[in-house]
Structures are given as C-alpha cells and as structure tokens.
C-alpha cells in the first residue's frame, strides 16, 4: 500500500498504477480480459439461420 507524507495509508488501485501510461488498444483489451471484465464474443456457426445451437 502507498503511504502519504502524513503517514496514513491509502489504497492504490489499478487506475492509479496505469494513470500515466500510454497503453495501446490491444494492451487495454488484454487487461480487461485478464480482469474478467470482458464478455466473450459470440462466433457465428455459419448455418445461415442466425440462431445459436
């Protein structure tokens, strides 16, 4: 945990850690996926009716 100049502890978030970093779109997508925040994309089966099996 981070410590302020006053000696009190403050919780550090991922937002704090990555605030000053220039991430590519691919890096952002990877972080979101690793955190489990992404919804898996549905793939089409190619049967032509547009309905899931």
N, C-alpha and C. Protein backbone atom coordinates (compact mmCIF):
# COMPACT_ATOMS: atom_id res chain seq x y z
N UNK A 1 0.83 -1.19 0.00
CA UNK A 1 0.00 0.00 0.00
C UNK A 1 0.87 1.25 0.00
N UNK A 2 0.34 2.26 -0.59
CA UNK A 2 1.07 3.52 -0.66
C UNK A 2 0.92 4.28 0.65
N UNK A 3 1.89 5.10 0.92
CA UNK A 3 1.87 5.90 2.14
C UNK A 3 1.99 7.38 1.77
N UNK A 4 1.09 8.18 2.32
CA UNK A 4 1.14 9.62 2.11
C UNK A 4 2.24 10.22 2.98
N UNK A 5 2.54 11.48 2.72
CA UNK A 5 3.55 12.19 3.50
C UNK A 5 3.12 12.31 4.97
N UNK A 6 1.81 12.26 5.21
CA UNK A 6 1.31 12.36 6.57
C UNK A 6 1.42 11.03 7.32
N UNK A 7 1.78 9.96 6.60
CA UNK A 7 1.94 8.66 7.24
C UNK A 7 0.70 7.80 7.18
N UNK A 8 -0.38 8.29 6.60
CA UNK A 8 -1.60 7.48 6.50
C UNK A 8 -1.55 6.62 5.26
N UNK A 9 -2.16 5.46 5.33
CA UNK A 9 -2.16 4.55 4.18
C UNK A 9 -3.33 4.85 3.27
N UNK A 10 -3.08 4.74 2.00
CA UNK A 10 -4.13 4.92 1.00
C UNK A 10 -4.08 3.72 0.07
N UNK A 11 -5.24 3.18 -0.24
CA UNK A 11 -5.30 2.04 -1.12
C UNK A 11 -4.97 2.46 -2.55
N UNK A 12 -4.08 1.73 -3.20
CA UNK A 12 -3.69 2.02 -4.57
C UNK A 12 -4.49 1.12 -5.50
N UNK A 13 -5.10 1.72 -6.51
CA UNK A 13 -5.92 0.97 -7.45
C UNK A 13 -5.17 0.76 -8.76
N UNK A 14 -5.69 -0.11 -9.62
CA UNK A 14 -5.10 -0.29 -10.94
C UNK A 14 -5.13 1.01 -11.73
N UNK A 15 -6.16 1.78 -11.53
CA UNK A 15 -6.25 3.08 -12.19
C UNK A 15 -5.08 3.97 -11.82
N UNK A 16 -4.69 3.92 -10.55
CA UNK A 16 -3.53 4.70 -10.10
C UNK A 16 -2.24 4.21 -10.75
N UNK A 17 -2.11 2.90 -10.85
CA UNK A 17 -0.88 2.33 -11.41
C UNK A 17 -0.71 2.63 -12.89
N UNK A 18 -1.81 2.68 -13.63
CA UNK A 18 -1.74 2.86 -15.08
C UNK A 18 -2.12 4.27 -15.52
N UNK A 19 -2.27 5.21 -14.60
CA UNK A 19 -2.74 6.56 -14.92
C UNK A 19 -1.82 7.28 -15.90
N UNK A 20 -0.52 7.13 -15.77
CA UNK A 20 0.41 7.89 -16.60
C UNK A 20 1.04 7.05 -17.70
N UNK A 21 0.43 5.92 -18.03
CA UNK A 21 1.00 5.06 -19.07
C UNK A 21 0.16 5.16 -20.33
N UNK A 22 0.85 5.20 -21.45
CA UNK A 22 0.17 5.19 -22.74
C UNK A 22 0.03 3.73 -23.18
N UNK A 23 -1.16 3.18 -23.01
CA UNK A 23 -1.41 1.80 -23.40
C UNK A 23 -2.03 1.75 -24.78
N UNK A 24 -1.65 0.74 -25.54
CA UNK A 24 -2.27 0.54 -26.84
C UNK A 24 -3.65 -0.07 -26.63
N UNK A 25 -4.45 -0.05 -27.68
CA UNK A 25 -5.78 -0.66 -27.60
C UNK A 25 -5.67 -2.13 -27.24
N UNK A 26 -4.69 -2.82 -27.81
CA UNK A 26 -4.51 -4.25 -27.54
C UNK A 26 -4.16 -4.48 -26.07
N UNK A 27 -3.33 -3.62 -25.50
CA UNK A 27 -2.97 -3.76 -24.09
C UNK A 27 -4.18 -3.52 -23.18
N UNK A 28 -5.00 -2.56 -23.53
CA UNK A 28 -6.22 -2.30 -22.75
C UNK A 28 -7.16 -3.49 -22.82
N UNK A 29 -7.34 -4.04 -24.02
CA UNK A 29 -8.21 -5.22 -24.16
C UNK A 29 -7.68 -6.39 -23.36
N UNK A 30 -6.36 -6.58 -23.34
CA UNK A 30 -5.76 -7.68 -22.59
C UNK A 30 -5.96 -7.50 -21.09
N UNK A 31 -5.80 -6.30 -20.59
CA UNK A 31 -6.04 -6.04 -19.16
C UNK A 31 -7.49 -6.31 -18.78
N UNK A 32 -8.41 -5.85 -19.61
CA UNK A 32 -9.82 -6.07 -19.34
C UNK A 32 -10.14 -7.56 -19.34
N UNK A 33 -9.58 -8.30 -20.28
CA UNK A 33 -9.81 -9.75 -20.34
C UNK A 33 -9.21 -10.45 -19.13
N UNK A 34 -8.01 -10.06 -18.74
CA UNK A 34 -7.36 -10.68 -17.59
C UNK A 34 -8.13 -10.44 -16.30
N UNK A 35 -8.77 -9.29 -16.20
CA UNK A 35 -9.54 -8.97 -15.01
C UNK A 35 -10.92 -9.63 -15.02
N UNK A 36 -11.26 -10.26 -16.14
CA UNK A 36 -12.55 -10.93 -16.24
C UNK A 36 -13.70 -9.97 -16.48
N UNK A 37 -13.39 -8.80 -17.00
CA UNK A 37 -14.43 -7.80 -17.24
C UNK A 37 -14.98 -7.85 -18.66
N UNK A 38 -14.36 -8.65 -19.50
CA UNK A 38 -14.79 -8.72 -20.89
C UNK A 38 -15.87 -9.78 -21.06
N UNK A 39 -16.78 -9.53 -21.98
CA UNK A 39 -17.79 -10.51 -22.34
C UNK A 39 -17.29 -11.24 -23.58
N UNK A 40 -17.24 -12.56 -23.53
CA UNK A 40 -16.76 -13.30 -24.70
C UNK A 40 -17.60 -12.99 -25.93
N UNK A 41 -16.94 -12.87 -27.06
CA UNK A 41 -17.64 -12.61 -28.32
C UNK A 41 -18.28 -13.90 -28.81
N UNK A 42 -19.50 -13.78 -29.34
CA UNK A 42 -20.16 -14.94 -29.93
C UNK A 42 -19.67 -15.11 -31.34
N UNK A 43 -19.39 -16.33 -31.69
CA UNK A 43 -18.99 -16.62 -33.06
C UNK A 43 -20.17 -17.25 -33.78
N UNK A 44 -20.32 -16.92 -35.03
CA UNK A 44 -21.40 -17.48 -35.84
C UNK A 44 -21.02 -18.89 -36.26
N UNK A 45 -22.01 -19.77 -36.27
CA UNK A 45 -21.77 -21.16 -36.65
C UNK A 45 -21.75 -21.34 -38.16
N UNK A 46 -22.32 -20.40 -38.88
CA UNK A 46 -22.31 -20.49 -40.34
C UNK A 46 -23.42 -21.34 -40.90
N UNK A 47 -24.44 -21.65 -40.08
CA UNK A 47 -25.54 -22.48 -40.59
C UNK A 47 -26.58 -21.66 -41.34
N UNK A 48 -26.47 -20.34 -41.27
CA UNK A 48 -27.31 -19.50 -42.09
C UNK A 48 -28.60 -19.02 -41.44
N UNK A 49 -29.04 -19.65 -40.35
CA UNK A 49 -30.30 -19.20 -39.75
C UNK A 49 -30.13 -18.12 -38.70
N UNK A 50 -28.89 -17.87 -38.28
CA UNK A 50 -28.61 -16.80 -37.33
C UNK A 50 -28.94 -17.14 -35.90
N UNK A 51 -29.37 -18.36 -35.64
CA UNK A 51 -29.72 -18.77 -34.28
C UNK A 51 -28.62 -19.60 -33.69
N UNK A 52 -28.44 -19.46 -32.39
CA UNK A 52 -27.43 -20.28 -31.70
C UNK A 52 -27.95 -21.70 -31.55
N UNK A 53 -27.05 -22.65 -31.54
CA UNK A 53 -27.44 -24.05 -31.44
C UNK A 53 -27.95 -24.40 -30.06
